[in-house]
mmCIF file of all heavy atoms, coordinates in Angstrom:
data_MODEL
# 
_entry.id   MODEL 
# 
loop_
_atom_site.group_PDB 
_atom_site.id 
_atom_site.type_symbol 
_atom_site.label_atom_id 
_atom_site.label_alt_id 
_atom_site.label_comp_id 
_atom_site.label_asym_id 
_atom_site.label_entity_id 
_atom_site.label_seq_id 
_atom_site.pdbx_PDB_ins_code 
_atom_site.Cartn_x 
_atom_site.Cartn_y 
_atom_site.Cartn_z 
_atom_site.occupancy 
_atom_site.B_iso_or_equiv 
_atom_site.pdbx_formal_charge 
_atom_site.auth_seq_id 
_atom_site.auth_comp_id 
_atom_site.auth_asym_id 
_atom_site.auth_atom_id 
_atom_site.pdbx_PDB_model_num 
ATOM 1   N N   . HIS A 1 1  ? -10.569 0.245   11.757  1.00 0.00 ? 1  HIS A N   1 
ATOM 2   C CA  . HIS A 1 1  ? -11.112 -1.113  11.884  1.00 0.00 ? 1  HIS A CA  1 
ATOM 3   C C   . HIS A 1 1  ? -10.004 -2.156  11.719  1.00 0.00 ? 1  HIS A C   1 
ATOM 4   O O   . HIS A 1 1  ? -10.225 -3.224  11.153  1.00 0.00 ? 1  HIS A O   1 
ATOM 5   C CB  . HIS A 1 1  ? -12.193 -1.352  10.827  1.00 0.00 ? 1  HIS A CB  1 
ATOM 6   C CG  . HIS A 1 1  ? -13.331 -0.395  10.905  1.00 0.00 ? 1  HIS A CG  1 
ATOM 7   N ND1 . HIS A 1 1  ? -14.287 -0.448  11.891  1.00 0.00 ? 1  HIS A ND1 1 
ATOM 8   C CD2 . HIS A 1 1  ? -13.655 0.661   10.128  1.00 0.00 ? 1  HIS A CD2 1 
ATOM 9   C CE1 . HIS A 1 1  ? -15.156 0.527   11.706  1.00 0.00 ? 1  HIS A CE1 1 
ATOM 10  N NE2 . HIS A 1 1  ? -14.796 1.213   10.644  1.00 0.00 ? 1  HIS A NE2 1 
ATOM 11  N N   . LYS A 1 2  ? -8.846  -1.838  12.244  1.00 0.00 ? 2  LYS A N   1 
ATOM 12  C CA  . LYS A 1 2  ? -7.684  -2.700  12.054  1.00 0.00 ? 2  LYS A CA  1 
ATOM 13  C C   . LYS A 1 2  ? -7.875  -4.112  12.620  1.00 0.00 ? 2  LYS A C   1 
ATOM 14  O O   . LYS A 1 2  ? -7.279  -5.069  12.131  1.00 0.00 ? 2  LYS A O   1 
ATOM 15  C CB  . LYS A 1 2  ? -6.458  -2.037  12.700  1.00 0.00 ? 2  LYS A CB  1 
ATOM 16  C CG  . LYS A 1 2  ? -5.153  -2.499  12.148  1.00 0.00 ? 2  LYS A CG  1 
ATOM 17  C CD  . LYS A 1 2  ? -4.029  -1.632  12.677  1.00 0.00 ? 2  LYS A CD  1 
ATOM 18  C CE  . LYS A 1 2  ? -2.687  -2.159  12.223  1.00 0.00 ? 2  LYS A CE  1 
ATOM 19  N NZ  . LYS A 1 2  ? -1.587  -1.391  12.766  1.00 0.00 ? 2  LYS A NZ  1 
ATOM 20  N N   . ALA A 1 3  ? -8.732  -4.249  13.597  1.00 0.00 ? 3  ALA A N   1 
ATOM 21  C CA  . ALA A 1 3  ? -8.968  -5.557  14.221  1.00 0.00 ? 3  ALA A CA  1 
ATOM 22  C C   . ALA A 1 3  ? -10.282 -6.200  13.770  1.00 0.00 ? 3  ALA A C   1 
ATOM 23  O O   . ALA A 1 3  ? -10.652 -7.253  14.270  1.00 0.00 ? 3  ALA A O   1 
ATOM 24  C CB  . ALA A 1 3  ? -8.960  -5.415  15.744  1.00 0.00 ? 3  ALA A CB  1 
ATOM 25  N N   . ASP A 1 4  ? -10.987 -5.590  12.821  1.00 0.00 ? 4  ASP A N   1 
ATOM 26  C CA  . ASP A 1 4  ? -12.290 -6.099  12.382  1.00 0.00 ? 4  ASP A CA  1 
ATOM 27  C C   . ASP A 1 4  ? -12.223 -6.502  10.917  1.00 0.00 ? 4  ASP A C   1 
ATOM 28  O O   . ASP A 1 4  ? -12.329 -5.663  10.019  1.00 0.00 ? 4  ASP A O   1 
ATOM 29  C CB  . ASP A 1 4  ? -13.357 -5.030  12.600  1.00 0.00 ? 4  ASP A CB  1 
ATOM 30  C CG  . ASP A 1 4  ? -14.761 -5.545  12.341  1.00 0.00 ? 4  ASP A CG  1 
ATOM 31  O OD1 . ASP A 1 4  ? -14.919 -6.658  11.795  1.00 0.00 ? 4  ASP A OD1 1 
ATOM 32  O OD2 . ASP A 1 4  ? -15.725 -4.819  12.683  1.00 0.00 ? 4  ASP A OD2 1 
ATOM 33  N N   . ALA A 1 5  ? -12.074 -7.805  10.665  1.00 0.00 ? 5  ALA A N   1 
ATOM 34  C CA  . ALA A 1 5  ? -11.895 -8.324  9.304   1.00 0.00 ? 5  ALA A CA  1 
ATOM 35  C C   . ALA A 1 5  ? -13.072 -8.023  8.382   1.00 0.00 ? 5  ALA A C   1 
ATOM 36  O O   . ALA A 1 5  ? -12.921 -8.076  7.160   1.00 0.00 ? 5  ALA A O   1 
ATOM 37  C CB  . ALA A 1 5  ? -11.632 -9.823  9.350   1.00 0.00 ? 5  ALA A CB  1 
ATOM 38  N N   . ASP A 1 6  ? -14.226 -7.691  8.918   1.00 0.00 ? 6  ASP A N   1 
ATOM 39  C CA  . ASP A 1 6  ? -15.372 -7.349  8.074   1.00 0.00 ? 6  ASP A CA  1 
ATOM 40  C C   . ASP A 1 6  ? -15.103 -6.102  7.237   1.00 0.00 ? 6  ASP A C   1 
ATOM 41  O O   . ASP A 1 6  ? -15.773 -5.881  6.223   1.00 0.00 ? 6  ASP A O   1 
ATOM 42  C CB  . ASP A 1 6  ? -16.629 -7.127  8.919   1.00 0.00 ? 6  ASP A CB  1 
ATOM 43  C CG  . ASP A 1 6  ? -17.194 -8.431  9.469   1.00 0.00 ? 6  ASP A CG  1 
ATOM 44  O OD1 . ASP A 1 6  ? -16.806 -9.512  8.968   1.00 0.00 ? 6  ASP A OD1 1 
ATOM 45  O OD2 . ASP A 1 6  ? -18.014 -8.370  10.403  1.00 0.00 ? 6  ASP A OD2 1 
ATOM 46  N N   . TYR A 1 7  ? -14.150 -5.283  7.639   1.00 0.00 ? 7  TYR A N   1 
ATOM 47  C CA  . TYR A 1 7  ? -13.832 -4.042  6.929   1.00 0.00 ? 7  TYR A CA  1 
ATOM 48  C C   . TYR A 1 7  ? -12.590 -4.173  6.052   1.00 0.00 ? 7  TYR A C   1 
ATOM 49  O O   . TYR A 1 7  ? -12.216 -3.230  5.372   1.00 0.00 ? 7  TYR A O   1 
ATOM 50  C CB  . TYR A 1 7  ? -13.627 -2.894  7.926   1.00 0.00 ? 7  TYR A CB  1 
ATOM 51  C CG  . TYR A 1 7  ? -14.910 -2.455  8.573   1.00 0.00 ? 7  TYR A CG  1 
ATOM 52  C CD1 . TYR A 1 7  ? -15.367 -3.071  9.733   1.00 0.00 ? 7  TYR A CD1 1 
ATOM 53  C CD2 . TYR A 1 7  ? -15.676 -1.435  8.018   1.00 0.00 ? 7  TYR A CD2 1 
ATOM 54  C CE1 . TYR A 1 7  ? -16.552 -2.672  10.332  1.00 0.00 ? 7  TYR A CE1 1 
ATOM 55  C CE2 . TYR A 1 7  ? -16.862 -1.026  8.602   1.00 0.00 ? 7  TYR A CE2 1 
ATOM 56  C CZ  . TYR A 1 7  ? -17.292 -1.657  9.764   1.00 0.00 ? 7  TYR A CZ  1 
ATOM 57  O OH  . TYR A 1 7  ? -18.466 -1.264  10.343  1.00 0.00 ? 7  TYR A OH  1 
ATOM 58  N N   . TRP A 1 8  ? -11.951 -5.312  6.068   1.00 0.00 ? 8  TRP A N   1 
ATOM 59  C CA  . TRP A 1 8  ? -10.714 -5.495  5.319   1.00 0.00 ? 8  TRP A CA  1 
ATOM 60  C C   . TRP A 1 8  ? -11.002 -5.786  3.857   1.00 0.00 ? 8  TRP A C   1 
ATOM 61  O O   . TRP A 1 8  ? -12.079 -6.247  3.487   1.00 0.00 ? 8  TRP A O   1 
ATOM 62  C CB  . TRP A 1 8  ? -9.894  -6.637  5.896   1.00 0.00 ? 8  TRP A CB  1 
ATOM 63  C CG  . TRP A 1 8  ? -9.468  -6.449  7.318   1.00 0.00 ? 8  TRP A CG  1 
ATOM 64  C CD1 . TRP A 1 8  ? -9.634  -5.336  8.094   1.00 0.00 ? 8  TRP A CD1 1 
ATOM 65  C CD2 . TRP A 1 8  ? -8.820  -7.405  8.143   1.00 0.00 ? 8  TRP A CD2 1 
ATOM 66  N NE1 . TRP A 1 8  ? -9.119  -5.555  9.350   1.00 0.00 ? 8  TRP A NE1 1 
ATOM 67  C CE2 . TRP A 1 8  ? -8.615  -6.820  9.401   1.00 0.00 ? 8  TRP A CE2 1 
ATOM 68  C CE3 . TRP A 1 8  ? -8.403  -8.718  7.940   1.00 0.00 ? 8  TRP A CE3 1 
ATOM 69  C CZ2 . TRP A 1 8  ? -7.990  -7.492  10.450  1.00 0.00 ? 8  TRP A CZ2 1 
ATOM 70  C CZ3 . TRP A 1 8  ? -7.783  -9.393  8.977   1.00 0.00 ? 8  TRP A CZ3 1 
ATOM 71  C CH2 . TRP A 1 8  ? -7.574  -8.771  10.214  1.00 0.00 ? 8  TRP A CH2 1 
ATOM 72  N N   . ILE A 1 9  ? -10.003 -5.524  3.039   1.00 0.00 ? 9  ILE A N   1 
ATOM 73  C CA  . ILE A 1 9  ? -10.056 -5.847  1.621   1.00 0.00 ? 9  ILE A CA  1 
ATOM 74  C C   . ILE A 1 9  ? -8.835  -6.706  1.308   1.00 0.00 ? 9  ILE A C   1 
ATOM 75  O O   . ILE A 1 9  ? -7.713  -6.357  1.669   1.00 0.00 ? 9  ILE A O   1 
ATOM 76  C CB  . ILE A 1 9  ? -10.068 -4.576  0.757   1.00 0.00 ? 9  ILE A CB  1 
ATOM 77  C CG1 . ILE A 1 9  ? -11.344 -3.778  1.045   1.00 0.00 ? 9  ILE A CG1 1 
ATOM 78  C CG2 . ILE A 1 9  ? -9.931  -4.922  -0.715  1.00 0.00 ? 9  ILE A CG2 1 
ATOM 79  C CD1 . ILE A 1 9  ? -11.409 -2.439  0.356   1.00 0.00 ? 9  ILE A CD1 1 
ATOM 80  N N   . THR A 1 10 ? -9.075  -7.847  0.656   1.00 0.00 ? 10 THR A N   1 
ATOM 81  C CA  . THR A 1 10 ? -7.997  -8.790  0.388   1.00 0.00 ? 10 THR A CA  1 
ATOM 82  C C   . THR A 1 10 ? -7.833  -9.014  -1.105  1.00 0.00 ? 10 THR A C   1 
ATOM 83  O O   . THR A 1 10 ? -8.821  -9.238  -1.822  1.00 0.00 ? 10 THR A O   1 
ATOM 84  C CB  . THR A 1 10 ? -8.282  -10.143 1.072   1.00 0.00 ? 10 THR A CB  1 
ATOM 85  O OG1 . THR A 1 10 ? -8.459  -9.924  2.475   1.00 0.00 ? 10 THR A OG1 1 
ATOM 86  C CG2 . THR A 1 10 ? -7.156  -11.131 0.850   1.00 0.00 ? 10 THR A CG2 1 
ATOM 87  N N   . LEU A 1 11 ? -6.611  -8.965  -1.565  1.00 0.00 ? 11 LEU A N   1 
ATOM 88  C CA  . LEU A 1 11 ? -6.240  -9.415  -2.895  1.00 0.00 ? 11 LEU A CA  1 
ATOM 89  C C   . LEU A 1 11 ? -5.536  -10.745 -2.670  1.00 0.00 ? 11 LEU A C   1 
ATOM 90  O O   . LEU A 1 11 ? -4.426  -10.764 -2.130  1.00 0.00 ? 11 LEU A O   1 
ATOM 91  C CB  . LEU A 1 11 ? -5.306  -8.427  -3.586  1.00 0.00 ? 11 LEU A CB  1 
ATOM 92  C CG  . LEU A 1 11 ? -5.914  -7.121  -4.119  1.00 0.00 ? 11 LEU A CG  1 
ATOM 93  C CD1 . LEU A 1 11 ? -6.363  -6.209  -3.004  1.00 0.00 ? 11 LEU A CD1 1 
ATOM 94  C CD2 . LEU A 1 11 ? -4.927  -6.422  -5.014  1.00 0.00 ? 11 LEU A CD2 1 
ATOM 95  N N   . PRO A 1 12 ? -6.184  -11.875 -2.986  1.00 0.00 ? 12 PRO A N   1 
ATOM 96  C CA  . PRO A 1 12 ? -5.601  -13.177 -2.656  1.00 0.00 ? 12 PRO A CA  1 
ATOM 97  C C   . PRO A 1 12 ? -4.225  -13.410 -3.274  1.00 0.00 ? 12 PRO A C   1 
ATOM 98  O O   . PRO A 1 12 ? -3.363  -14.018 -2.663  1.00 0.00 ? 12 PRO A O   1 
ATOM 99  C CB  . PRO A 1 12 ? -6.612  -14.181 -3.213  1.00 0.00 ? 12 PRO A CB  1 
ATOM 100 C CG  . PRO A 1 12 ? -7.872  -13.423 -3.392  1.00 0.00 ? 12 PRO A CG  1 
ATOM 101 C CD  . PRO A 1 12 ? -7.483  -12.002 -3.627  1.00 0.00 ? 12 PRO A CD  1 
ATOM 102 N N   . LEU A 1 13 ? -4.030  -12.920 -4.489  1.00 0.00 ? 13 LEU A N   1 
ATOM 103 C CA  . LEU A 1 13 ? -2.735  -13.005 -5.155  1.00 0.00 ? 13 LEU A CA  1 
ATOM 104 C C   . LEU A 1 13 ? -2.451  -11.663 -5.821  1.00 0.00 ? 13 LEU A C   1 
ATOM 105 O O   . LEU A 1 13 ? -3.162  -11.254 -6.733  1.00 0.00 ? 13 LEU A O   1 
ATOM 106 C CB  . LEU A 1 13 ? -2.735  -14.104 -6.222  1.00 0.00 ? 13 LEU A CB  1 
ATOM 107 C CG  . LEU A 1 13 ? -2.606  -15.539 -5.754  1.00 0.00 ? 13 LEU A CG  1 
ATOM 108 C CD1 . LEU A 1 13 ? -2.745  -16.502 -6.925  1.00 0.00 ? 13 LEU A CD1 1 
ATOM 109 C CD2 . LEU A 1 13 ? -1.276  -15.748 -5.047  1.00 0.00 ? 13 LEU A CD2 1 
ATOM 110 N N   . ALA A 1 14 ? -1.414  -11.004 -5.366  1.00 0.00 ? 14 ALA A N   1 
ATOM 111 C CA  . ALA A 1 14 ? -1.056  -9.696  -5.918  1.00 0.00 ? 14 ALA A CA  1 
ATOM 112 C C   . ALA A 1 14 ? 0.446   -9.639  -6.158  1.00 0.00 ? 14 ALA A C   1 
ATOM 113 O O   . ALA A 1 14 ? 1.226   -10.139 -5.357  1.00 0.00 ? 14 ALA A O   1 
ATOM 114 C CB  . ALA A 1 14 ? -1.480  -8.583  -4.973  1.00 0.00 ? 14 ALA A CB  1 
ATOM 115 N N   . TYR A 1 15 ? 0.806   -9.042  -7.251  1.00 0.00 ? 15 TYR A N   1 
ATOM 116 C CA  . TYR A 1 15 ? 2.226   -8.829  -7.546  1.00 0.00 ? 15 TYR A CA  1 
ATOM 117 C C   . TYR A 1 15 ? 2.515   -7.336  -7.484  1.00 0.00 ? 15 TYR A C   1 
ATOM 118 O O   . TYR A 1 15 ? 1.625   -6.506  -7.636  1.00 0.00 ? 15 TYR A O   1 
ATOM 119 C CB  . TYR A 1 15 ? 2.620   -9.429  -8.902  1.00 0.00 ? 15 TYR A CB  1 
ATOM 120 C CG  . TYR A 1 15 ? 1.830   -8.893  -10.071 1.00 0.00 ? 15 TYR A CG  1 
ATOM 121 C CD1 . TYR A 1 15 ? 2.264   -7.780  -10.781 1.00 0.00 ? 15 TYR A CD1 1 
ATOM 122 C CD2 . TYR A 1 15 ? 0.652   -9.506  -10.469 1.00 0.00 ? 15 TYR A CD2 1 
ATOM 123 C CE1 . TYR A 1 15 ? 1.540   -7.289  -11.847 1.00 0.00 ? 15 TYR A CE1 1 
ATOM 124 C CE2 . TYR A 1 15 ? -0.084  -9.033  -11.540 1.00 0.00 ? 15 TYR A CE2 1 
ATOM 125 C CZ  . TYR A 1 15 ? 0.364   -7.923  -12.231 1.00 0.00 ? 15 TYR A CZ  1 
ATOM 126 O OH  . TYR A 1 15 ? -0.352  -7.438  -13.282 1.00 0.00 ? 15 TYR A OH  1 
ATOM 127 N N   . SER A 1 16 ? 3.762   -7.025  -7.255  1.00 0.00 ? 16 SER A N   1 
ATOM 128 C CA  . SER A 1 16 ? 4.147   -5.640  -7.008  1.00 0.00 ? 16 SER A CA  1 
ATOM 129 C C   . SER A 1 16 ? 4.787   -4.998  -8.234  1.00 0.00 ? 16 SER A C   1 
ATOM 130 O O   . SER A 1 16 ? 5.651   -5.590  -8.874  1.00 0.00 ? 16 SER A O   1 
ATOM 131 C CB  . SER A 1 16 ? 5.140   -5.589  -5.845  1.00 0.00 ? 16 SER A CB  1 
ATOM 132 O OG  . SER A 1 16 ? 5.642   -4.291  -5.677  1.00 0.00 ? 16 SER A OG  1 
ATOM 133 N N   . GLU A 1 17 ? 4.335   -3.787  -8.517  1.00 0.00 ? 17 GLU A N   1 
ATOM 134 C CA  . GLU A 1 17 ? 5.004   -2.910  -9.479  1.00 0.00 ? 17 GLU A CA  1 
ATOM 135 C C   . GLU A 1 17 ? 5.473   -1.711  -8.670  1.00 0.00 ? 17 GLU A C   1 
ATOM 136 O O   . GLU A 1 17 ? 4.657   -1.006  -8.080  1.00 0.00 ? 17 GLU A O   1 
ATOM 137 C CB  . GLU A 1 17 ? 4.042   -2.464  -10.578 1.00 0.00 ? 17 GLU A CB  1 
ATOM 138 C CG  . GLU A 1 17 ? 3.548   -3.594  -11.444 1.00 0.00 ? 17 GLU A CG  1 
ATOM 139 C CD  . GLU A 1 17 ? 2.519   -3.140  -12.470 1.00 0.00 ? 17 GLU A CD  1 
ATOM 140 O OE1 . GLU A 1 17 ? 2.031   -1.991  -12.379 1.00 0.00 ? 17 GLU A OE1 1 
ATOM 141 O OE2 . GLU A 1 17 ? 2.191   -3.937  -13.353 1.00 0.00 ? 17 GLU A OE2 1 
ATOM 142 N N   . THR A 1 18 ? 6.762   -1.504  -8.598  1.00 0.00 ? 18 THR A N   1 
ATOM 143 C CA  . THR A 1 18 ? 7.312   -0.477  -7.719  1.00 0.00 ? 18 THR A CA  1 
ATOM 144 C C   . THR A 1 18 ? 8.160   0.511   -8.503  1.00 0.00 ? 18 THR A C   1 
ATOM 145 O O   . THR A 1 18 ? 8.988   0.114   -9.324  1.00 0.00 ? 18 THR A O   1 
ATOM 146 C CB  . THR A 1 18 ? 8.172   -1.121  -6.613  1.00 0.00 ? 18 THR A CB  1 
ATOM 147 O OG1 . THR A 1 18 ? 7.340   -2.014  -5.866  1.00 0.00 ? 18 THR A OG1 1 
ATOM 148 C CG2 . THR A 1 18 ? 8.753   -0.086  -5.686  1.00 0.00 ? 18 THR A CG2 1 
ATOM 149 N N   . ASP A 1 19 ? 7.946   1.790   -8.232  1.00 0.00 ? 19 ASP A N   1 
ATOM 150 C CA  . ASP A 1 19 ? 8.754   2.862   -8.809  1.00 0.00 ? 19 ASP A CA  1 
ATOM 151 C C   . ASP A 1 19 ? 9.177   3.805   -7.697  1.00 0.00 ? 19 ASP A C   1 
ATOM 152 O O   . ASP A 1 19 ? 8.411   4.079   -6.776  1.00 0.00 ? 19 ASP A O   1 
ATOM 153 C CB  . ASP A 1 19 ? 7.971   3.625   -9.879  1.00 0.00 ? 19 ASP A CB  1 
ATOM 154 C CG  . ASP A 1 19 ? 7.695   2.767   -11.094 1.00 0.00 ? 19 ASP A CG  1 
ATOM 155 O OD1 . ASP A 1 19 ? 8.673   2.245   -11.670 1.00 0.00 ? 19 ASP A OD1 1 
ATOM 156 O OD2 . ASP A 1 19 ? 6.517   2.608   -11.456 1.00 0.00 ? 19 ASP A OD2 1 
ATOM 157 N N   . LEU A 1 20 ? 10.383  4.290   -7.799  1.00 0.00 ? 20 LEU A N   1 
ATOM 158 C CA  . LEU A 1 20 ? 10.903  5.225   -6.805  1.00 0.00 ? 20 LEU A CA  1 
ATOM 159 C C   . LEU A 1 20 ? 10.716  6.649   -7.305  1.00 0.00 ? 20 LEU A C   1 
ATOM 160 O O   . LEU A 1 20 ? 10.895  6.930   -8.489  1.00 0.00 ? 20 LEU A O   1 
ATOM 161 C CB  . LEU A 1 20 ? 12.387  4.955   -6.557  1.00 0.00 ? 20 LEU A CB  1 
ATOM 162 C CG  . LEU A 1 20 ? 12.755  3.511   -6.220  1.00 0.00 ? 20 LEU A CG  1 
ATOM 163 C CD1 . LEU A 1 20 ? 14.259  3.383   -6.049  1.00 0.00 ? 20 LEU A CD1 1 
ATOM 164 C CD2 . LEU A 1 20 ? 12.025  3.042   -4.985  1.00 0.00 ? 20 LEU A CD2 1 
ATOM 165 N N   . SER A 1 21 ? 10.362  7.544   -6.402  1.00 0.00 ? 21 SER A N   1 
ATOM 166 C CA  . SER A 1 21 ? 10.226  8.964   -6.722  1.00 0.00 ? 21 SER A CA  1 
ATOM 167 C C   . SER A 1 21 ? 10.804  9.737   -5.544  1.00 0.00 ? 21 SER A C   1 
ATOM 168 O O   . SER A 1 21 ? 10.068  10.142  -4.643  1.00 0.00 ? 21 SER A O   1 
ATOM 169 C CB  . SER A 1 21 ? 8.756   9.318   -6.945  1.00 0.00 ? 21 SER A CB  1 
ATOM 170 O OG  . SER A 1 21 ? 8.616   10.703  -7.195  1.00 0.00 ? 21 SER A OG  1 
ATOM 171 N N   . TYR A 1 22 ? 12.097  9.888   -5.551  1.00 0.00 ? 22 TYR A N   1 
ATOM 172 C CA  . TYR A 1 22 ? 12.775  10.509  -4.419  1.00 0.00 ? 22 TYR A CA  1 
ATOM 173 C C   . TYR A 1 22 ? 13.147  11.945  -4.760  1.00 0.00 ? 22 TYR A C   1 
ATOM 174 O O   . TYR A 1 22 ? 14.023  12.194  -5.578  1.00 0.00 ? 22 TYR A O   1 
ATOM 175 C CB  . TYR A 1 22 ? 14.036  9.716   -4.044  1.00 0.00 ? 22 TYR A CB  1 
ATOM 176 C CG  . TYR A 1 22 ? 13.755  8.319   -3.513  1.00 0.00 ? 22 TYR A CG  1 
ATOM 177 C CD1 . TYR A 1 22 ? 14.743  7.367   -3.490  1.00 0.00 ? 22 TYR A CD1 1 
ATOM 178 C CD2 . TYR A 1 22 ? 12.502  7.966   -3.024  1.00 0.00 ? 22 TYR A CD2 1 
ATOM 179 C CE1 . TYR A 1 22 ? 14.508  6.090   -2.988  1.00 0.00 ? 22 TYR A CE1 1 
ATOM 180 C CE2 . TYR A 1 22 ? 12.254  6.696   -2.528  1.00 0.00 ? 22 TYR A CE2 1 
ATOM 181 C CZ  . TYR A 1 22 ? 13.252  5.763   -2.509  1.00 0.00 ? 22 TYR A CZ  1 
ATOM 182 O OH  . TYR A 1 22 ? 13.011  4.507   -2.021  1.00 0.00 ? 22 TYR A OH  1 
ATOM 183 N N   . SER A 1 23 ? 12.459  12.872  -4.135  1.00 0.00 ? 23 SER A N   1 
ATOM 184 C CA  . SER A 1 23 ? 12.752  14.292  -4.301  1.00 0.00 ? 23 SER A CA  1 
ATOM 185 C C   . SER A 1 23 ? 13.699  14.720  -3.190  1.00 0.00 ? 23 SER A C   1 
ATOM 186 O O   . SER A 1 23 ? 13.467  14.419  -2.021  1.00 0.00 ? 23 SER A O   1 
ATOM 187 C CB  . SER A 1 23 ? 11.469  15.123  -4.212  1.00 0.00 ? 23 SER A CB  1 
ATOM 188 O OG  . SER A 1 23 ? 10.592  14.789  -5.259  1.00 0.00 ? 23 SER A OG  1 
ATOM 189 N N   . TYR A 1 24 ? 14.719  15.433  -3.561  1.00 0.00 ? 24 TYR A N   1 
ATOM 190 C CA  . TYR A 1 24 ? 15.693  15.912  -2.581  1.00 0.00 ? 24 TYR A CA  1 
ATOM 191 C C   . TYR A 1 24 ? 15.542  17.429  -2.480  1.00 0.00 ? 24 TYR A C   1 
ATOM 192 O O   . TYR A 1 24 ? 16.287  18.189  -3.099  1.00 0.00 ? 24 TYR A O   1 
ATOM 193 C CB  . TYR A 1 24 ? 17.108  15.487  -2.986  1.00 0.00 ? 24 TYR A CB  1 
ATOM 194 C CG  . TYR A 1 24 ? 17.298  14.001  -2.874  1.00 0.00 ? 24 TYR A CG  1 
ATOM 195 C CD1 . TYR A 1 24 ? 16.964  13.148  -3.927  1.00 0.00 ? 24 TYR A CD1 1 
ATOM 196 C CD2 . TYR A 1 24 ? 17.760  13.436  -1.696  1.00 0.00 ? 24 TYR A CD2 1 
ATOM 197 C CE1 . TYR A 1 24 ? 17.112  11.785  -3.806  1.00 0.00 ? 24 TYR A CE1 1 
ATOM 198 C CE2 . TYR A 1 24 ? 17.906  12.063  -1.560  1.00 0.00 ? 24 TYR A CE2 1 
ATOM 199 C CZ  . TYR A 1 24 ? 17.574  11.245  -2.625  1.00 0.00 ? 24 TYR A CZ  1 
ATOM 200 O OH  . TYR A 1 24 ? 17.722  9.890   -2.503  1.00 0.00 ? 24 TYR A OH  1 
ATOM 201 N N   . ASN A 1 25 ? 14.519  17.837  -1.722  1.00 0.00 ? 25 ASN A N   1 
ATOM 202 C CA  . ASN A 1 25 ? 14.262  19.253  -1.486  1.00 0.00 ? 25 ASN A CA  1 
ATOM 203 C C   . ASN A 1 25 ? 13.514  19.396  -0.173  1.00 0.00 ? 25 ASN A C   1 
ATOM 204 O O   . ASN A 1 25 ? 13.235  18.408  0.507   1.00 0.00 ? 25 ASN A O   1 
ATOM 205 C CB  . ASN A 1 25 ? 13.483  19.872  -2.658  1.00 0.00 ? 25 ASN A CB  1 
ATOM 206 C CG  . ASN A 1 25 ? 12.149  19.210  -2.888  1.00 0.00 ? 25 ASN A CG  1 
ATOM 207 O OD1 . ASN A 1 25 ? 11.388  18.970  -1.954  1.00 0.00 ? 25 ASN A OD1 1 
ATOM 208 N ND2 . ASN A 1 25 ? 11.839  18.886  -4.139  1.00 0.00 ? 25 ASN A ND2 1 
ATOM 209 N N   . ASN A 1 26 ? 13.184  20.609  0.187   1.00 0.00 ? 26 ASN A N   1 
ATOM 210 C CA  . ASN A 1 26 ? 12.482  20.860  1.444   1.00 0.00 ? 26 ASN A CA  1 
ATOM 211 C C   . ASN A 1 26 ? 10.966  20.780  1.313   1.00 0.00 ? 26 ASN A C   1 
ATOM 212 O O   . ASN A 1 26 ? 10.248  20.948  2.296   1.00 0.00 ? 26 ASN A O   1 
ATOM 213 C CB  . ASN A 1 26 ? 12.854  22.241  1.985   1.00 0.00 ? 26 ASN A CB  1 
ATOM 214 C CG  . ASN A 1 26 ? 14.297  22.296  2.437   1.00 0.00 ? 26 ASN A CG  1 
ATOM 215 O OD1 . ASN A 1 26 ? 14.845  21.299  2.877   1.00 0.00 ? 26 ASN A OD1 1 
ATOM 216 N ND2 . ASN A 1 26 ? 14.914  23.456  2.302   1.00 0.00 ? 26 ASN A ND2 1 
ATOM 217 N N   . GLU A 1 27 ? 10.455  20.539  0.123   1.00 0.00 ? 27 GLU A N   1 
ATOM 218 C CA  . GLU A 1 27 ? 9.019   20.588  -0.121  1.00 0.00 ? 27 GLU A CA  1 
ATOM 219 C C   . GLU A 1 27 ? 8.354   19.223  -0.218  1.00 0.00 ? 27 GLU A C   1 
ATOM 220 O O   . GLU A 1 27 ? 7.147   19.117  -0.032  1.00 0.00 ? 27 GLU A O   1 
ATOM 221 C CB  . GLU A 1 27 ? 8.745   21.357  -1.427  1.00 0.00 ? 27 GLU A CB  1 
ATOM 222 C CG  . GLU A 1 27 ? 9.300   22.766  -1.441  1.00 0.00 ? 27 GLU A CG  1 
ATOM 223 C CD  . GLU A 1 27 ? 8.708   23.640  -0.355  1.00 0.00 ? 27 GLU A CD  1 
ATOM 224 O OE1 . GLU A 1 27 ? 7.489   23.552  -0.101  1.00 0.00 ? 27 GLU A OE1 1 
ATOM 225 O OE2 . GLU A 1 27 ? 9.470   24.403  0.254   1.00 0.00 ? 27 GLU A OE2 1 
# 
């Protein structure tokens, strides 16, 4: 429903908490 705003969810003001989890393997 990418073009239908009736299905969207909005956070009017949101801040980001970001953590990296980089695995260096084949799995």
